[in-house]
C-alpha atoms as a PDB file:
ATOM      1  CA  MET A   1      25.273  71.345  -2.168  1.00  0.00           C
ATOM      2  CA  GLU A   2      28.032  72.518   0.717  1.00  0.00           C
ATOM      3  CA  THR A   3      28.508  70.192   3.215  1.00  0.00           C
ATOM      4  CA  ARG A   4      31.196  71.387   6.347  1.00  0.00           C
ATOM      5  CA  ASN A   5      33.934  68.950   6.957  1.00  0.00           C
ATOM      6  CA  LEU A   6      32.606  65.823   7.838  1.00  0.00           C
ATOM      7  CA  PRO A   7      34.246  62.712   7.884  1.00  0.00           C
ATOM      8  CA  ASP A   8      34.319  59.792   5.403  1.00  0.00           C
ATOM      9  CA  ILE A   9      31.882  56.864   5.817  1.00  0.00           C
ATOM     10  CA  GLU A  10      34.112  53.846   6.446  1.00  0.00           C
ATOM     11  CA  VAL A  11      34.029  50.497   4.952  1.00  0.00           C
ATOM     12  CA  VAL A  12      34.925  48.109   7.641  1.00  0.00           C
ATOM     13  CA  TYR A  13      35.462  44.262   5.712  1.00  0.00           C
ATOM     14  CA  HIS A  14      36.003  40.597   7.956  1.00  0.00           C
ATOM     15  CA  ASP A  15      36.293  37.562   7.963  1.00  0.00           C
ATOM     16  CA  ILE A  16      34.320  35.250   6.390  1.00  0.00           C
ATOM     17  CA  ALA A  17      32.170  32.607   8.153  1.00  0.00           C
ATOM     18  CA  VAL A  18      29.885  30.068   7.840  1.00  0.00           C
ATOM     19  CA  ARG A  19      27.074  28.755  10.455  1.00  0.00           C
ATOM     20  CA  THR A  20      24.656  26.858  11.042  1.00  0.00           C
ATOM     21  CA  LEU A  21      22.530  28.076  13.804  1.00  0.00           C
ATOM     22  CA  GLU A  22      19.771  27.029  16.473  1.00  0.00           C
ATOM     23  CA  VAL A  23      16.769  28.955  15.846  1.00  0.00           C
ATOM     24  CA  LEU A  24      15.556  29.502  19.877  1.00  0.00           C
ATOM     25  CA  ARG A  25      12.482  31.387  20.057  1.00  0.00           C
ATOM     26  CA  VAL A  26      10.333  32.579  17.750  1.00  0.00           C
ATOM     27  CA  THR A  27       7.491  36.059  18.232  1.00  0.00           C
ATOM     28  CA  ARG A  28       5.487  37.943  16.129  1.00  0.00           C
ATOM     29  CA  PRO A  29       6.103  41.792  16.235  1.00  0.00           C
ATOM     30  CA  THR A  30       3.366  42.367  13.945  1.00  0.00           C
ATOM     31  CA  PRO A  31       0.225  40.225  12.265  1.00  0.00           C
ATOM     32  CA  ARG A  32       2.417  40.224   9.255  1.00  0.00           C
ATOM     33  CA  MET A  33       6.526  39.665  11.034  1.00  0.00           C
ATOM     34  CA  VAL A  34       7.683  36.609  12.582  1.00  0.00           C
ATOM     35  CA  ARG A  35      11.358  37.353  14.541  1.00  0.00           C
ATOM     36  CA  VAL A  36      13.487  34.270  14.530  1.00  0.00           C
ATOM     37  CA  THR A  37      15.983  34.251  17.060  1.00  0.00           C
ATOM     38  CA  LEU A  38      18.893  32.274  15.990  1.00  0.00           C
ATOM     39  CA  GLY A  39      21.274  30.944  18.557  1.00  0.00           C
ATOM     40  CA  GLY A  40      23.990  27.487  19.354  1.00  0.00           C
ATOM     41  CA  PRO A  41      27.655  27.057  19.255  1.00  0.00           C
ATOM     42  CA  GLU A  42      28.692  28.361  16.275  1.00  0.00           C
ATOM     43  CA  LEU A  43      26.826  32.031  16.703  1.00  0.00           C
ATOM     44  CA  ALA A  44      30.845  32.539  19.050  1.00  0.00           C
ATOM     45  CA  GLY A  45      32.412  34.997  17.434  1.00  0.00           C
ATOM     46  CA  PHE A  46      29.615  36.970  15.085  1.00  0.00           C
ATOM     47  CA  VAL A  47      30.607  40.033  14.334  1.00  0.00           C
ATOM     48  CA  ASP A  48      27.405  42.902  14.589  1.00  0.00           C
ATOM     49  CA  ARG A  49      28.990  46.843  14.831  1.00  0.00           C
ATOM     50  CA  SER A  50      26.698  48.574  11.655  1.00  0.00           C
ATOM     51  CA  PRO A  51      22.766  48.854  11.968  1.00  0.00           C
ATOM     52  CA  ALA A  52      22.855  48.146   8.172  1.00  0.00           C
ATOM     53  CA  ASP A  53      25.240  45.281   8.553  1.00  0.00           C
ATOM     54  CA  HIS A  54      23.809  42.313   6.672  1.00  0.00           C
ATOM     55  CA  VAL A  55      23.900  38.254   6.604  1.00  0.00           C
ATOM     56  CA  LYS A  56      22.954  35.506   4.245  1.00  0.00           C
ATOM     57  CA  CYS A  57      20.406  32.629   5.468  1.00  0.00           C
ATOM     58  CA  PHE A  58      20.353  28.769   3.896  1.00  0.00           C
ATOM     59  CA  PHE A  59      17.144  27.023   4.752  1.00  0.00           C
ATOM     60  CA  PRO A  60      17.093  23.812   4.628  1.00  0.00           C
ATOM     61  CA  GLU A  61      14.726  21.833   1.289  1.00  0.00           C
ATOM     62  CA  PRO A  62      11.068  21.545   1.846  1.00  0.00           C
ATOM     63  CA  GLY A  63      11.362  17.972   4.155  1.00  0.00           C
ATOM     64  CA  ALA A  64      14.760  18.075   5.168  1.00  0.00           C
ATOM     65  CA  GLU A  65      16.437  18.892   8.092  1.00  0.00           C
ATOM     66  CA  LEU A  66      19.873  21.462   7.411  1.00  0.00           C
ATOM     67  CA  PRO A  67      20.534  23.762   4.935  1.00  0.00           C
ATOM     68  CA  VAL A  68      22.775  23.096   2.052  1.00  0.00           C
ATOM     69  CA  LEU A  69      25.762  25.390   2.464  1.00  0.00           C
ATOM     70  CA  PRO A  70      28.708  26.613   0.154  1.00  0.00           C
ATOM     71  CA  ARG A  71      31.730  26.485   1.687  1.00  0.00           C
ATOM     72  CA  VAL A  72      34.630  29.228   2.594  1.00  0.00           C
ATOM     73  CA  ALA A  73      37.080  30.205   0.229  1.00  0.00           C
ATOM     74  CA  ASP A  74      40.604  29.608   0.681  1.00  0.00           C
ATOM     75  CA  ASP A  75      41.796  32.239  -0.035  1.00  0.00           C
ATOM     76  CA  GLY A  76      39.438  33.246   2.491  1.00  0.00           C
ATOM     77  CA  ASP A  77      37.500  36.034   0.765  1.00  0.00           C
ATOM     78  CA  GLY A  78      33.811  34.789  -0.330  1.00  0.00           C
ATOM     79  CA  LEU A  79      32.050  31.728  -0.334  1.00  0.00           C
ATOM     80  CA  GLU A  80      31.989  28.616  -2.698  1.00  0.00           C
ATOM     81  CA  PHE A  81      28.857  27.448  -4.058  1.00  0.00           C
ATOM     82  CA  PRO A  82      28.364  23.382  -4.841  1.00  0.00           C
ATOM     83  CA  THR A  83      28.805  23.015  -8.932  1.00  0.00           C
ATOM     84  CA  GLU A  84      26.291  20.443  -9.077  1.00  0.00           C
ATOM     85  CA  PRO A  85      22.755  19.208  -6.710  1.00  0.00           C
ATOM     86  CA  PRO A  86      21.470  20.196  -4.270  1.00  0.00           C
ATOM     87  CA  PHE A  87      22.368  23.208  -4.463  1.00  0.00           C
ATOM     88  CA  PRO A  88      22.435  26.517  -1.407  1.00  0.00           C
ATOM     89  CA  VAL A  89      19.178  28.435  -1.057  1.00  0.00           C
ATOM     90  CA  SER A  90      19.719  31.650   0.880  1.00  0.00           C
ATOM     91  CA  ARG A  91      18.372  35.481   1.146  1.00  0.00           C
ATOM     92  CA  ASP A  92      19.914  38.058   1.808  1.00  0.00           C
ATOM     93  CA  TYR A  93      18.616  39.525   5.449  1.00  0.00           C
ATOM     94  CA  THR A  94      19.736  42.163   7.616  1.00  0.00           C
ATOM     95  CA  THR A  95      20.394  41.886  11.443  1.00  0.00           C
ATOM     96  CA  ARG A  96      18.258  43.614  13.908  1.00  0.00           C
ATOM     97  CA  ARG A  97      19.923  42.264  16.915  1.00  0.00           C
ATOM     98  CA  TYR A  98      22.612  40.594  18.863  1.00  0.00           C
ATOM     99  CA  ASP A  99      23.734  40.114  22.242  1.00  0.00           C
ATOM    100  CA  ALA A 100      26.934  38.283  22.256  1.00  0.00           C
ATOM    101  CA  GLU A 101      26.265  37.733  26.034  1.00  0.00           C
ATOM    102  CA  ALA A 102      23.051  36.306  25.361  1.00  0.00           C
ATOM    103  CA  GLY A 103      24.356  34.079  22.733  1.00  0.00           C
ATOM    104  CA  GLU A 104      21.178  35.537  20.155  1.00  0.00           C
ATOM    105  CA  LEU A 105      20.527  37.043  16.941  1.00  0.00           C
ATOM    106  CA  ASP A 106      17.052  37.753  16.126  1.00  0.00           C
ATOM    107  CA  LEU A 107      16.475  38.749  12.443  1.00  0.00           C
ATOM    108  CA  ASP A 108      12.963  39.610  10.937  1.00  0.00           C
ATOM    109  CA  PHE A 109      10.731  38.009   8.589  1.00  0.00           C
ATOM    110  CA  VAL A 110       8.356  39.243   6.458  1.00  0.00           C
ATOM    111  CA  LEU A 111       4.745  37.201   5.288  1.00  0.00           C
ATOM    112  CA  HIS A 112       4.541  38.514   2.174  1.00  0.00           C
ATOM    113  CA  GLY A 113       3.913  35.547  -1.001  1.00  0.00           C
ATOM    114  CA  LYS A 114       5.721  32.453  -0.965  1.00  0.00           C
ATOM    115  CA  GLY A 115       9.311  33.051  -1.009  1.00  0.00           C
ATOM    116  CA  VAL A 116      10.997  30.412   0.550  1.00  0.00           C
ATOM    117  CA  ALA A 117      12.236  32.805   3.571  1.00  0.00           C
ATOM    118  CA  SER A 118       8.008  33.553   4.301  1.00  0.00           C
ATOM    119  CA  VAL A 119       6.837  29.870   3.772  1.00  0.00           C
ATOM    120  CA  TRP A 120      10.004  28.920   6.510  1.00  0.00           C
ATOM    121  CA  ALA A 121      10.130  32.047   8.844  1.00  0.00           C
ATOM    122  CA  GLU A 122       6.149  31.212   8.411  1.00  0.00           C
ATOM    123  CA  GLN A 123       6.740  27.333  10.619  1.00  0.00           C
ATOM    124  CA  ALA A 124      10.029  28.170  12.577  1.00  0.00           C
ATOM    125  CA  THR A 125      10.256  26.257  15.557  1.00  0.00           C
ATOM    126  CA  PRO A 126      12.985  26.173  18.511  1.00  0.00           C
ATOM    127  CA  GLY A 127      15.024  23.417  17.531  1.00  0.00           C
ATOM    128  CA  GLN A 128      15.459  23.495  13.472  1.00  0.00           C
ATOM    129  CA  LYS A 129      18.711  24.589  11.691  1.00  0.00           C
ATOM    130  CA  ILE A 130      19.468  27.449   9.179  1.00  0.00           C
ATOM    131  CA  GLY A 131      22.846  28.229   7.953  1.00  0.00           C
ATOM    132  CA  VAL A 132      24.711  31.940   8.311  1.00  0.00           C
ATOM    133  CA  ALA A 133      26.682  33.386   7.072  1.00  0.00           C
ATOM    134  CA  GLY A 134      28.675  36.936   7.237  1.00  0.00           C
ATOM    135  CA  PRO A 135      29.054  39.700   7.605  1.00  0.00           C
ATOM    136  CA  ARG A 136      30.465  40.660   4.902  1.00  0.00           C
ATOM    137  CA  GLY A 137      31.225  43.623   5.769  1.00  0.00           C
ATOM    138  CA  SER A 138      29.807  46.821   8.426  1.00  0.00           C
ATOM    139  CA  ILE A 139      29.069  50.575   6.889  1.00  0.00           C
ATOM    140  CA  MET A 140      30.758  52.729   9.429  1.00  0.00           C
ATOM    141  CA  VAL A 141      28.297  54.843   9.640  1.00  0.00           C
ATOM    142  CA  PRO A 142      29.451  58.709  12.147  1.00  0.00           C
ATOM    143  CA  TRP A 143      26.425  59.915  13.970  1.00  0.00           C
ATOM    144  CA  VAL A 144      27.364  63.701  13.665  1.00  0.00           C
ATOM    145  CA  PHE A 145      25.495  65.212  11.481  1.00  0.00           C
ATOM    146  CA  ASP A 146      23.056  67.569  12.109  1.00  0.00           C
ATOM    147  CA  TRP A 147      19.815  65.574  10.671  1.00  0.00           C
ATOM    148  CA  TYR A 148      18.588  62.664   9.353  1.00  0.00           C
ATOM    149  CA  LEU A 149      16.310  61.240   7.032  1.00  0.00           C
ATOM    150  CA  PHE A 150      15.275  57.136   6.350  1.00  0.00           C
ATOM    151  CA  ALA A 151      12.646  56.054   4.448  1.00  0.00           C
ATOM    152  CA  GLY A 152      12.137  52.250   3.591  1.00  0.00           C
ATOM    153  CA  ASP A 153      10.068  49.671   3.657  1.00  0.00           C
ATOM    154  CA  GLU A 154       9.571  45.607   6.097  1.00  0.00           C
ATOM    155  CA  THR A 155      12.800  44.470   4.118  1.00  0.00           C
ATOM    156  CA  ALA A 156      14.269  48.710   5.478  1.00  0.00           C
ATOM    157  CA  ILE A 157      12.476  48.424   8.861  1.00  0.00           C
ATOM    158  CA  PRO A 158      15.219  46.782  10.965  1.00  0.00           C
ATOM    159  CA  ALA A 159      18.792  48.763   9.362  1.00  0.00           C
ATOM    160  CA  ILE A 160      15.774  51.839  10.214  1.00  0.00           C
ATOM    161  CA  CYS A 161      14.964  50.244  14.305  1.00  0.00           C
ATOM    162  CA  ARG A 162      18.943  49.877  14.759  1.00  0.00           C
ATOM    163  CA  MET A 163      19.510  53.230  13.078  1.00  0.00           C
ATOM    164  CA  LEU A 164      17.385  54.904  15.637  1.00  0.00           C
ATOM    165  CA  GLU A 165      17.837  53.646  18.587  1.00  0.00           C
ATOM    166  CA  GLU A 166      21.757  54.548  18.043  1.00  0.00           C
ATOM    167  CA  LEU A 167      20.934  58.402  17.801  1.00  0.00           C
ATOM    168  CA  PRO A 168      22.607  60.863  19.668  1.00  0.00           C
ATOM    169  CA  GLU A 169      20.117  62.242  22.113  1.00  0.00           C
ATOM    170  CA  GLY A 170      17.831  65.733  20.893  1.00  0.00           C
ATOM    171  CA  VAL A 171      19.781  64.265  17.288  1.00  0.00           C
ATOM    172  CA  PRO A 172      16.153  66.336  14.619  1.00  0.00           C
ATOM    173  CA  ALA A 173      15.306  62.360  12.126  1.00  0.00           C
ATOM    174  CA  LYS A 174      12.622  62.234   9.709  1.00  0.00           C
ATOM    175  CA  VAL A 175      11.615  59.016   9.093  1.00  0.00           C
ATOM    176  CA  PHE A 176       9.105  57.139   6.171  1.00  0.00           C
ATOM    177  CA  LEU A 177       7.906  53.333   6.946  1.00  0.00           C
ATOM    178  CA  LEU A 178       5.854  51.890   4.535  1.00  0.00           C
ATOM    179  CA  VAL A 179       3.918  48.955   5.508  1.00  0.00           C
ATOM    180  CA  ASP A 180       0.703  47.215   4.718  1.00  0.00           C
ATOM    181  CA  ASP A 181      -1.759  48.897   7.501  1.00  0.00           C
ATOM    182  CA  ALA A 182      -1.865  50.204  10.463  1.00  0.00           C
ATOM    183  CA  ALA A 183      -1.452  47.106  12.188  1.00  0.00           C
ATOM    184  CA  GLU A 184       2.424  46.538  11.213  1.00  0.00           C
ATOM    185  CA  GLU A 185       3.297  49.118  13.269  1.00  0.00           C
ATOM    186  CA  HIS A 186       4.812  48.355  15.836  1.00  0.00           C
ATOM    187  CA  PRO A 187       7.051  51.327  18.793  1.00  0.00           C
ATOM    188  CA  ILE A 188      10.747  51.845  18.048  1.00  0.00           C
ATOM    189  CA  ASP A 189      13.163  53.237  20.298  1.00  0.00           C
ATOM    190  CA  THR A 190      15.279  55.773  20.037  1.00  0.00           C
ATOM    191  CA  ARG A 191      16.805  58.760  22.155  1.00  0.00           C
ATOM    192  CA  ALA A 192      16.699  61.209  19.537  1.00  0.00           C
ATOM    193  CA  ASP A 193      14.145  63.719  18.170  1.00  0.00           C
ATOM    194  CA  ALA A 194      12.535  61.410  15.945  1.00  0.00           C
ATOM    195  CA  GLU A 195       9.247  62.102  13.732  1.00  0.00           C
ATOM    196  CA  ILE A 196       8.696  58.705  12.472  1.00  0.00           C
ATOM    197  CA  VAL A 197       5.013  59.395   9.948  1.00  0.00           C
ATOM    198  CA  TRP A 198       3.398  55.418   9.294  1.00  0.00           C
ATOM    199  CA  LEU A 199       2.708  54.865   5.351  1.00  0.00           C
ATOM    200  CA  HIS A 200      -0.169  52.127   4.617  1.00  0.00           C
ATOM    201  CA  ARG A 201      -0.539  51.003   1.080  1.00  0.00           C
ATOM    202  CA  ASP A 202      -3.990  50.212   1.744  1.00  0.00           C
ATOM    203  CA  GLY A 203      -4.429  46.678  -0.532  1.00  0.00           C
ATOM    204  CA  LEU A 204      -1.395  48.050  -2.966  1.00  0.00           C
ATOM    205  CA  ALA A 205       1.023  45.659  -3.613  1.00  0.00           C
ATOM    206  CA  HIS A 206       3.955  45.802  -2.939  1.00  0.00           C
ATOM    207  CA  GLY A 207       6.489  47.490  -5.146  1.00  0.00           C
ATOM    208  CA  GLU A 208       3.215  49.487  -6.445  1.00  0.00           C
ATOM    209  CA  GLY A 209       2.616  52.842  -5.382  1.00  0.00           C
ATOM    210  CA  ASP A 210       4.490  56.059  -4.573  1.00  0.00           C
ATOM    211  CA  LEU A 211       3.583  56.587  -1.048  1.00  0.00           C
ATOM    212  CA  MET A 212       7.368  56.836  -0.038  1.00  0.00           C
ATOM    213  CA  GLU A 213       8.707  59.389  -2.839  1.00  0.00           C
ATOM    214  CA  LYS A 214       5.879  61.471  -2.566  1.00  0.00           C
ATOM    215  CA  ALA A 215       6.876  61.640   1.084  1.00  0.00           C
ATOM    216  CA  VAL A 216       9.967  62.055   0.071  1.00  0.00           C
ATOM    217  CA  LYS A 217      10.110  65.093  -1.913  1.00  0.00           C
ATOM    218  CA  GLY A 218       7.925  66.535   0.421  1.00  0.00           C
ATOM    219  CA  VAL A 219      10.861  66.665   3.511  1.00  0.00           C
ATOM    220  CA  GLU A 220      11.530  70.715   4.862  1.00  0.00           C
ATOM    221  CA  PHE A 221      15.149  70.547   4.898  1.00  0.00           C
ATOM    222  CA  LEU A 222      16.523  71.557   8.069  1.00  0.00           C
ATOM    223  CA  PRO A 223      19.456  73.544   8.127  1.00  0.00           C
ATOM    224  CA  GLY A 224      22.567  71.756   8.540  1.00  0.00           C
ATOM    225  CA  ASP A 225      24.117  68.667   7.097  1.00  0.00           C
ATOM    226  CA  PRO A 226      21.941  65.324   6.642  1.00  0.00           C
ATOM    227  CA  PHE A 227      22.327  62.052   6.502  1.00  0.00           C
ATOM    228  CA  ILE A 228      19.845  60.285   3.640  1.00  0.00           C
ATOM    229  CA  TRP A 229      19.113  56.387   4.237  1.00  0.00           C
ATOM    230  CA  ILE A 230      16.221  54.421   2.434  1.00  0.00           C
ATOM    231  CA  ALA A 231      16.213  51.106   1.367  1.00  0.00           C
ATOM    232  CA  GLY A 232      14.003  48.991  -0.467  1.00  0.00           C
ATOM    233  CA  GLU A 233      11.505  47.908  -3.832  1.00  0.00           C
ATOM    234  CA  ALA A 234      14.388  48.906  -6.894  1.00  0.00           C
ATOM    235  CA  GLY A 235      11.867  50.616  -9.082  1.00  0.00           C
ATOM    236  CA  GLU A 236      10.590  52.368  -6.351  1.00  0.00           C
ATOM    237  CA  LEU A 237      13.962  54.315  -5.068  1.00  0.00           C
ATOM    238  CA  LYS A 238      14.008  55.220  -8.807  1.00  0.00           C
ATOM    239  CA  PRO A 239      13.005  58.225  -8.454  1.00  0.00           C
ATOM    240  CA  ILE A 240      13.956  58.870  -5.328  1.00  0.00           C
ATOM    241  CA  ARG A 241      17.108  58.523  -5.326  1.00  0.00           C
ATOM    242  CA  ARG A 242      17.236  60.169  -8.354  1.00  0.00           C
ATOM    243  CA  HIS A 243      15.022  63.565  -7.006  1.00  0.00           C
ATOM    244  CA  LEU A 244      18.182  63.544  -4.176  1.00  0.00           C
ATOM    245  CA  HIS A 245      21.570  63.538  -6.278  1.00  0.00           C
ATOM    246  CA  LYS A 246      20.026  65.027  -9.602  1.00  0.00           C
ATOM    247  CA  ASP A 247      17.284  67.291  -8.330  1.00  0.00           C
ATOM    248  CA  LEU A 248      18.747  68.539  -4.553  1.00  0.00           C
ATOM    249  CA  GLY A 249      22.610  67.912  -5.199  1.00  0.00           C
ATOM    250  CA  LEU A 250      23.280  65.927  -2.214  1.00  0.00           C
ATOM    251  CA  ASN A 251      26.433  64.435  -1.913  1.00  0.00           C
ATOM    252  CA  ARG A 252      26.207  60.840  -2.949  1.00  0.00           C
ATOM    253  CA  GLU A 253      28.702  59.808  -0.098  1.00  0.00           C
ATOM    254  CA  TYR A 254      25.758  60.203   2.449  1.00  0.00           C
ATOM    255  CA  THR A 255      23.086  60.406   0.991  1.00  0.00           C
ATOM    256  CA  ASP A 256      22.208  55.789   0.645  1.00  0.00           C
ATOM    257  CA  VAL A 257      19.355  54.485  -1.757  1.00  0.00           C
ATOM    258  CA  ASP A 258      19.603  50.983  -1.918  1.00  0.00           C
ATOM    259  CA  GLY A 259      17.430  48.530  -3.500  1.00  0.00           C
ATOM    260  CA  PHE A 260      16.714  46.433  -1.599  1.00  0.00           C
ATOM    261  CA  TRP A 261      15.062  44.192  -3.977  1.00  0.00           C
ATOM    262  CA  LYS A 262      13.169  43.920  -7.458  1.00  0.00           C
ATOM    263  CA  ARG A 263       9.489  43.134  -8.196  1.00  0.00           C
ATOM    264  CA  GLY A 264       9.303  39.910 -10.681  1.00  0.00           C
ATOM    265  CA  ILE A 265      13.142  39.776  -9.764  1.00  0.00           C
ATOM    266  CA  VAL A 266      14.514  36.547  -7.258  1.00  0.00           C
ATOM    267  CA  ASN A 267      17.420  37.535  -4.576  1.00  0.00           C
ATOM    268  CA  LEU A 268      18.296  40.998  -6.400  1.00  0.00           C
ATOM    269  CA  ASP A 269      22.002  41.235  -6.001  1.00  0.00           C
ATOM    270  CA  HIS A 270      21.661  44.513  -4.573  1.00  0.00           C
ATOM    271  CA  HIS A 271      25.590  45.067  -3.799  1.00  0.00           C
ATOM    272  CA  GLU A 272      25.666  45.424  -7.708  1.00  0.00           C
ATOM    273  CA  PRO A 273      26.075  48.886  -8.402  1.00  0.00           C
ATOM    274  CA  GLU A 274      22.879  51.957  -8.993  1.00  0.00           C
ATOM    275  CA  ASP A 275      21.802  53.843 -12.199  1.00  0.00           C
ATOM    276  CA  GLU A 276      24.570  56.577 -12.500  1.00  0.00           C
ATOM    277  CA  ASP A 277      21.078  58.466 -14.720  1.00  0.00           C
ATOM    278  CA  ASP A 278      20.145  58.444 -10.909  1.00  0.00           C
END
């Protein structure tokens, strides 16, 4: 599919830092979503430049006050982890909001199962400590496309909300958000001409079903050049990626389909290259 002369999407890398932050407050935007606001002196200098920026969170072991943290490598490029116990316990999360003036960083946690992050978030209270490393880099998407298609499950909603908040006024956007049920729907601020559709699992397990696949395949493409960003469970996304890249022949630079997690895999490295066959 031919496109007009669009700018490259730039990746800006940052000096990595490991911080110990304090829980300032905890709110519940929906019954199964916990928003933890972090702060403290070490938040100074935090970098937040893109809606898809993500950090690595380090959680205390049960009964411990402080998390075990890695150290920044001597060359400043990456993290070095202990070779003997206790080992850091970490998960990746997208930043929902950063306010440098207020000294606040919001992270949204989905309460699902008994994973380390869900368990920590459900009991989080002001004063508790958590480790945060990154972001390592920012993907700088220029908002110059003719229209946008966003889709994702709960793990992608923070980034999609930020994208919608940043889109120019009146630009068309088609959005599909996959959640458990209607109770998980919440208002989203945007100046865009956004058509937001909430997809409900209604009893399906996370990572099962084809609700998102059917929604994306059913999209009537608008004239002009789209930017597409889709994220969620890796297995659910394979047929979507294949449809966009193979069937429709869309430019991969402007069609980002990212498996944030995978059923049966703990702490999936979503930076790994996707299957070339997709």
